[in-house]
Amino acid sequence: KILILKEEAHLSVKEQKTSVLLHYTKRTIDKSMKRIIAENPDYHIIYRCEINAVILHIKVK
């Protein structure tokens, strides 16, 4: 979704939302999301862990 925001910046696309099915522990997801957030400082990333899924909301800062 971050790639979509980067590629479609000229179209004024400013946010993306998605749900991703996962079979990882919350600890693993938190660790991965911390890295993803650190690597993408131009984006405000909110995530919420659900049973077998992570809900993402990504906006351009």
PDB file of N, CA and C in Angstrom:
ATOM      1  N   LYS A   1       0.812  -1.189   0.000  1.00  0.00           N
ATOM      2  CA  LYS A   1       0.000   0.000   0.000  1.00  0.00           C
ATOM      3  C   LYS A   1       0.857   1.255   0.000  1.00  0.00           C
ATOM      4  N   ILE A   2       1.996   1.202   0.658  1.00  0.00           N
ATOM      5  CA  ILE A   2       2.900   2.355   0.630  1.00  0.00           C
ATOM      6  C   ILE A   2       3.396   2.583  -0.790  1.00  0.00           C
ATOM      7  N   LEU A   3       3.701   1.516  -1.498  1.00  0.00           N
ATOM      8  CA  LEU A   3       4.146   1.625  -2.887  1.00  0.00           C
ATOM      9  C   LEU A   3       3.063   2.274  -3.752  1.00  0.00           C
ATOM     10  N   ILE A   4       1.813   1.925  -3.528  1.00  0.00           N
ATOM     11  CA  ILE A   4       0.712   2.548  -4.269  1.00  0.00           C
ATOM     12  C   ILE A   4       0.690   4.046  -4.003  1.00  0.00           C
ATOM     13  N   LEU A   5       0.847   4.440  -2.742  1.00  0.00           N
ATOM     14  CA  LEU A   5       0.858   5.869  -2.421  1.00  0.00           C
ATOM     15  C   LEU A   5       2.012   6.587  -3.105  1.00  0.00           C
ATOM     16  N   LYS A   6       3.170   5.947  -3.160  1.00  0.00           N
ATOM     17  CA  LYS A   6       4.328   6.557  -3.816  1.00  0.00           C
ATOM     18  C   LYS A   6       4.097   6.692  -5.315  1.00  0.00           C
ATOM     19  N   GLU A   7       3.581   5.634  -5.934  1.00  0.00           N
ATOM     20  CA  GLU A   7       3.402   5.628  -7.385  1.00  0.00           C
ATOM     21  C   GLU A   7       2.249   6.516  -7.843  1.00  0.00           C
ATOM     22  N   GLU A   8       1.244   6.696  -6.998  1.00  0.00           N
ATOM     23  CA  GLU A   8       0.069   7.460  -7.404  1.00  0.00           C
ATOM     24  C   GLU A   8       0.006   8.837  -6.742  1.00  0.00           C
ATOM     25  N   ALA A   9       1.142   9.324  -6.275  1.00  0.00           N
ATOM     26  CA  ALA A   9       1.180  10.641  -5.629  1.00  0.00           C
ATOM     27  C   ALA A   9       0.672  11.731  -6.568  1.00  0.00           C
ATOM     28  N   HIS A  10       0.969  11.594  -7.849  1.00  0.00           N
ATOM     29  CA  HIS A  10       0.527  12.591  -8.830  1.00  0.00           C
ATOM     30  C   HIS A  10      -0.993  12.596  -9.003  1.00  0.00           C
ATOM     31  N   LEU A  11      -1.666  11.553  -8.545  1.00  0.00           N
ATOM     32  CA  LEU A  11      -3.127  11.468  -8.639  1.00  0.00           C
ATOM     33  C   LEU A  11      -3.813  11.962  -7.367  1.00  0.00           C
ATOM     34  N   SER A  12      -3.038  12.495  -6.459  1.00  0.00           N
ATOM     35  CA  SER A  12      -3.542  13.004  -5.175  1.00  0.00           C
ATOM     36  C   SER A  12      -4.111  11.908  -4.278  1.00  0.00           C
ATOM     37  N   VAL A  13      -3.626  10.692  -4.432  1.00  0.00           N
ATOM     38  CA  VAL A  13      -4.011   9.607  -3.527  1.00  0.00           C
ATOM     39  C   VAL A  13      -3.224   9.816  -2.245  1.00  0.00           C
ATOM     40  N   LYS A  14      -3.924  10.006  -1.133  1.00  0.00           N
ATOM     41  CA  LYS A  14      -3.259  10.360   0.123  1.00  0.00           C
ATOM     42  C   LYS A  14      -3.366   9.295   1.209  1.00  0.00           C
ATOM     43  N   GLU A  15      -4.226   8.280   1.013  1.00  0.00           N
ATOM     44  CA  GLU A  15      -4.316   7.250   2.040  1.00  0.00           C
ATOM     45  C   GLU A  15      -4.788   5.926   1.461  1.00  0.00           C
ATOM     46  N   GLN A  16      -4.443   4.863   2.177  1.00  0.00           N
ATOM     47  CA  GLN A  16      -4.811   3.505   1.805  1.00  0.00           C
ATOM     48  C   GLN A  16      -5.220   2.767   3.075  1.00  0.00           C
ATOM     49  N   LYS A  17      -6.203   1.890   2.937  1.00  0.00           N
ATOM     50  CA  LYS A  17      -6.618   1.029   4.046  1.00  0.00           C
ATOM     51  C   LYS A  17      -6.664  -0.400   3.529  1.00  0.00           C
ATOM     52  N   THR A  18      -6.319  -1.338   4.395  1.00  0.00           N
ATOM     53  CA  THR A  18      -6.358  -2.736   3.991  1.00  0.00           C
ATOM     54  C   THR A  18      -6.416  -3.646   5.207  1.00  0.00           C
ATOM     55  N   SER A  19      -6.860  -4.856   4.972  1.00  0.00           N
ATOM     56  CA  SER A  19      -6.810  -5.925   5.969  1.00  0.00           C
ATOM     57  C   SER A  19      -5.977  -7.042   5.361  1.00  0.00           C
ATOM     58  N   VAL A  20      -5.065  -7.584   6.150  1.00  0.00           N
ATOM     59  CA  VAL A  20      -4.181  -8.639   5.664  1.00  0.00           C
ATOM     60  C   VAL A  20      -4.322  -9.849   6.582  1.00  0.00           C
ATOM     61  N   LEU A  21      -4.638 -10.990   5.995  1.00  0.00           N
ATOM     62  CA  LEU A  21      -4.719 -12.215   6.783  1.00  0.00           C
ATOM     63  C   LEU A  21      -3.318 -12.702   7.099  1.00  0.00           C
ATOM     64  N   LEU A  22      -3.071 -12.987   8.363  1.00  0.00           N
ATOM     65  CA  LEU A  22      -1.753 -13.429   8.815  1.00  0.00           C
ATOM     66  C   LEU A  22      -1.890 -14.547   9.833  1.00  0.00           C
ATOM     67  N   HIS A  23      -0.856 -15.333   9.920  1.00  0.00           N
ATOM     68  CA  HIS A  23      -0.815 -16.396  10.923  1.00  0.00           C
ATOM     69  C   HIS A  23       0.454 -16.259  11.747  1.00  0.00           C
ATOM     70  N   TYR A  24       0.708 -15.046  12.219  1.00  0.00           N
ATOM     71  CA  TYR A  24       1.879 -14.766  13.040  1.00  0.00           C
ATOM     72  C   TYR A  24       1.418 -14.284  14.407  1.00  0.00           C
ATOM     73  N   THR A  25       2.309 -14.326  15.369  1.00  0.00           N
ATOM     74  CA  THR A  25       1.972 -13.844  16.705  1.00  0.00           C
ATOM     75  C   THR A  25       1.949 -12.319  16.709  1.00  0.00           C
ATOM     76  N   LYS A  26       1.258 -11.749  17.680  1.00  0.00           N
ATOM     77  CA  LYS A  26       1.213 -10.292  17.811  1.00  0.00           C
ATOM     78  C   LYS A  26       2.618  -9.736  17.995  1.00  0.00           C
ATOM     79  N   ARG A  27       3.449 -10.446  18.719  1.00  0.00           N
ATOM     80  CA  ARG A  27       4.833 -10.001  18.940  1.00  0.00           C
ATOM     81  C   ARG A  27       5.585  -9.873  17.612  1.00  0.00           C
ATOM     82  N   THR A  28       5.438 -10.850  16.739  1.00  0.00           N
ATOM     83  CA  THR A  28       6.097 -10.820  15.429  1.00  0.00           C
ATOM     84  C   THR A  28       5.560  -9.670  14.580  1.00  0.00           C
ATOM     85  N   ILE A  29       4.255  -9.482  14.591  1.00  0.00           N
ATOM     86  CA  ILE A  29       3.645  -8.389  13.827  1.00  0.00           C
ATOM     87  C   ILE A  29       4.132  -7.041  14.351  1.00  0.00           C
ATOM     88  N   ASP A  30       4.147  -6.875  15.679  1.00  0.00           N
ATOM     89  CA  ASP A  30       4.621  -5.618  16.272  1.00  0.00           C
ATOM     90  C   ASP A  30       6.062  -5.321  15.866  1.00  0.00           C
ATOM     91  N   LYS A  31       6.900  -6.337  15.897  1.00  0.00           N
ATOM     92  CA  LYS A  31       8.310  -6.169  15.525  1.00  0.00           C
ATOM     93  C   LYS A  31       8.430  -5.744  14.057  1.00  0.00           C
ATOM     94  N   SER A  32       7.691  -6.403  13.186  1.00  0.00           N
ATOM     95  CA  SER A  32       7.733  -6.080  11.757  1.00  0.00           C
ATOM     96  C   SER A  32       7.178  -4.689  11.486  1.00  0.00           C
ATOM     97  N   MET A  33       6.078  -4.345  12.129  1.00  0.00           N
ATOM     98  CA  MET A  33       5.470  -3.035  11.907  1.00  0.00           C
ATOM     99  C   MET A  33       6.361  -1.915  12.427  1.00  0.00           C
ATOM    100  N   LYS A  34       7.058  -2.148  13.513  1.00  0.00           N
ATOM    101  CA  LYS A  34       7.989  -1.146  14.036  1.00  0.00           C
ATOM    102  C   LYS A  34       9.060  -0.834  12.989  1.00  0.00           C
ATOM    103  N   ARG A  35       9.571  -1.874  12.337  1.00  0.00           N
ATOM    104  CA  ARG A  35      10.584  -1.698  11.290  1.00  0.00           C
ATOM    105  C   ARG A  35       9.992  -0.978  10.073  1.00  0.00           C
ATOM    106  N   ILE A  36       8.803  -1.388   9.653  1.00  0.00           N
ATOM    107  CA  ILE A  36       8.149  -0.768   8.497  1.00  0.00           C
ATOM    108  C   ILE A  36       7.890   0.714   8.758  1.00  0.00           C
ATOM    109  N   ILE A  37       7.423   1.044   9.955  1.00  0.00           N
ATOM    110  CA  ILE A  37       7.160   2.438  10.314  1.00  0.00           C
ATOM    111  C   ILE A  37       8.459   3.244  10.306  1.00  0.00           C
ATOM    112  N   ALA A  38       9.525   2.674  10.856  1.00  0.00           N
ATOM    113  CA  ALA A  38      10.824   3.365  10.890  1.00  0.00           C
ATOM    114  C   ALA A  38      11.378   3.593   9.485  1.00  0.00           C
ATOM    115  N   GLU A  39      11.140   2.663   8.573  1.00  0.00           N
ATOM    116  CA  GLU A  39      11.656   2.764   7.205  1.00  0.00           C
ATOM    117  C   GLU A  39      10.836   3.706   6.323  1.00  0.00           C
ATOM    118  N   ASN A  40       9.675   4.143   6.799  1.00  0.00           N
ATOM    119  CA  ASN A  40       8.783   4.983   5.997  1.00  0.00           C
ATOM    120  C   ASN A  40       8.345   6.219   6.784  1.00  0.00           C
ATOM    121  N   PRO A  41       9.289   7.120   7.078  1.00  0.00           N
ATOM    122  CA  PRO A  41       8.973   8.279   7.919  1.00  0.00           C
ATOM    123  C   PRO A  41       8.018   9.289   7.277  1.00  0.00           C
ATOM    124  N   ASP A  42       7.798   9.210   5.976  1.00  0.00           N
ATOM    125  CA  ASP A  42       6.903  10.147   5.298  1.00  0.00           C
ATOM    126  C   ASP A  42       5.441   9.717   5.367  1.00  0.00           C
ATOM    127  N   TYR A  43       5.181   8.599   6.058  1.00  0.00           N
ATOM    128  CA  TYR A  43       3.829   8.055   6.132  1.00  0.00           C
ATOM    129  C   TYR A  43       3.415   7.846   7.579  1.00  0.00           C
ATOM    130  N   HIS A  44       2.152   8.137   7.850  1.00  0.00           N
ATOM    131  CA  HIS A  44       1.576   7.880   9.174  1.00  0.00           C
ATOM    132  C   HIS A  44       0.895   6.514   9.069  1.00  0.00           C
ATOM    133  N   ILE A  45       1.411   5.532   9.788  1.00  0.00           N
ATOM    134  CA  ILE A  45       0.917   4.162   9.684  1.00  0.00           C
ATOM    135  C   ILE A  45       0.299   3.751  11.012  1.00  0.00           C
ATOM    136  N   ILE A  46      -0.963   3.363  10.945  1.00  0.00           N
ATOM    137  CA  ILE A  46      -1.665   2.838  12.113  1.00  0.00           C
ATOM    138  C   ILE A  46      -2.020   1.391  11.791  1.00  0.00           C
ATOM    139  N   TYR A  47      -1.789   0.512  12.745  1.00  0.00           N
ATOM    140  CA  TYR A  47      -2.169  -0.882  12.538  1.00  0.00           C
ATOM    141  C   TYR A  47      -2.838  -1.425  13.782  1.00  0.00           C
ATOM    142  N   ARG A  48      -3.707  -2.398  13.559  1.00  0.00           N
ATOM    143  CA  ARG A  48      -4.418  -3.047  14.657  1.00  0.00           C
ATOM    144  C   ARG A  48      -4.408  -4.545  14.400  1.00  0.00           C
ATOM    145  N   CYS A  49      -3.979  -5.289  15.377  1.00  0.00           N
ATOM    146  CA  CYS A  49      -3.955  -6.746  15.261  1.00  0.00           C
ATOM    147  C   CYS A  49      -5.318  -7.313  15.627  1.00  0.00           C
ATOM    148  N   GLU A  50      -5.820  -8.177  14.785  1.00  0.00           N
ATOM    149  CA  GLU A  50      -7.054  -8.914  15.031  1.00  0.00           C
ATOM    150  C   GLU A  50      -6.707 -10.399  15.000  1.00  0.00           C
ATOM    151  N   ILE A  51      -7.676 -11.242  15.225  1.00  0.00           N
ATOM    152  CA  ILE A  51      -7.428 -12.678  15.141  1.00  0.00           C
ATOM    153  C   ILE A  51      -7.101 -13.014  13.687  1.00  0.00           C
ATOM    154  N   ASN A  52      -5.905 -13.515  13.448  1.00  0.00           N
ATOM    155  CA  ASN A  52      -5.430 -13.928  12.119  1.00  0.00           C
ATOM    156  C   ASN A  52      -5.400 -12.813  11.075  1.00  0.00           C
ATOM    157  N   ALA A  53      -5.333 -11.560  11.514  1.00  0.00           N
ATOM    158  CA  ALA A  53      -5.284 -10.461  10.542  1.00  0.00           C
ATOM    159  C   ALA A  53      -4.664  -9.220  11.177  1.00  0.00           C
ATOM    160  N   VAL A  54      -4.211  -8.343  10.305  1.00  0.00           N
ATOM    161  CA  VAL A  54      -3.766  -7.017  10.744  1.00  0.00           C
ATOM    162  C   VAL A  54      -4.491  -6.004   9.857  1.00  0.00           C
ATOM    163  N   ILE A  55      -5.028  -4.971  10.481  1.00  0.00           N
ATOM    164  CA  ILE A  55      -5.746  -3.912   9.785  1.00  0.00           C
ATOM    165  C   ILE A  55      -4.788  -2.728   9.678  1.00  0.00           C
ATOM    166  N   LEU A  56      -4.575  -2.231   8.459  1.00  0.00           N
ATOM    167  CA  LEU A  56      -3.637  -1.134   8.218  1.00  0.00           C
ATOM    168  C   LEU A  56      -4.360   0.103   7.700  1.00  0.00           C
ATOM    169  N   HIS A  57      -3.920   1.255   8.173  1.00  0.00           N
ATOM    170  CA  HIS A  57      -4.385   2.545   7.675  1.00  0.00           C
ATOM    171  C   HIS A  57      -3.130   3.389   7.478  1.00  0.00           C
ATOM    172  N   ILE A  58      -2.841   3.724   6.236  1.00  0.00           N
ATOM    173  CA  ILE A  58      -1.608   4.429   5.891  1.00  0.00           C
ATOM    174  C   ILE A  58      -1.964   5.751   5.226  1.00  0.00           C
ATOM    175  N   LYS A  59      -1.389   6.853   5.743  1.00  0.00           N
ATOM    176  CA  LYS A  59      -1.631   8.177   5.166  1.00  0.00           C
ATOM    177  C   LYS A  59      -0.305   8.877   4.927  1.00  0.00           C
ATOM    178  N   VAL A  60      -0.281   9.690   3.893  1.00  0.00           N
ATOM    179  CA  VAL A  60       0.877  10.536   3.620  1.00  0.00           C
ATOM    180  C   VAL A  60       0.890  11.630   4.681  1.00  0.00           C
ATOM    181  N   LYS A  61       2.081  11.894   5.253  1.00  0.00           N
ATOM    182  CA  LYS A  61       2.193  12.964   6.269  1.00  0.00           C
ATOM    183  C   LYS A  61       2.145  14.320   5.615  1.00  0.00           C
TER     184      LYS A  61
END
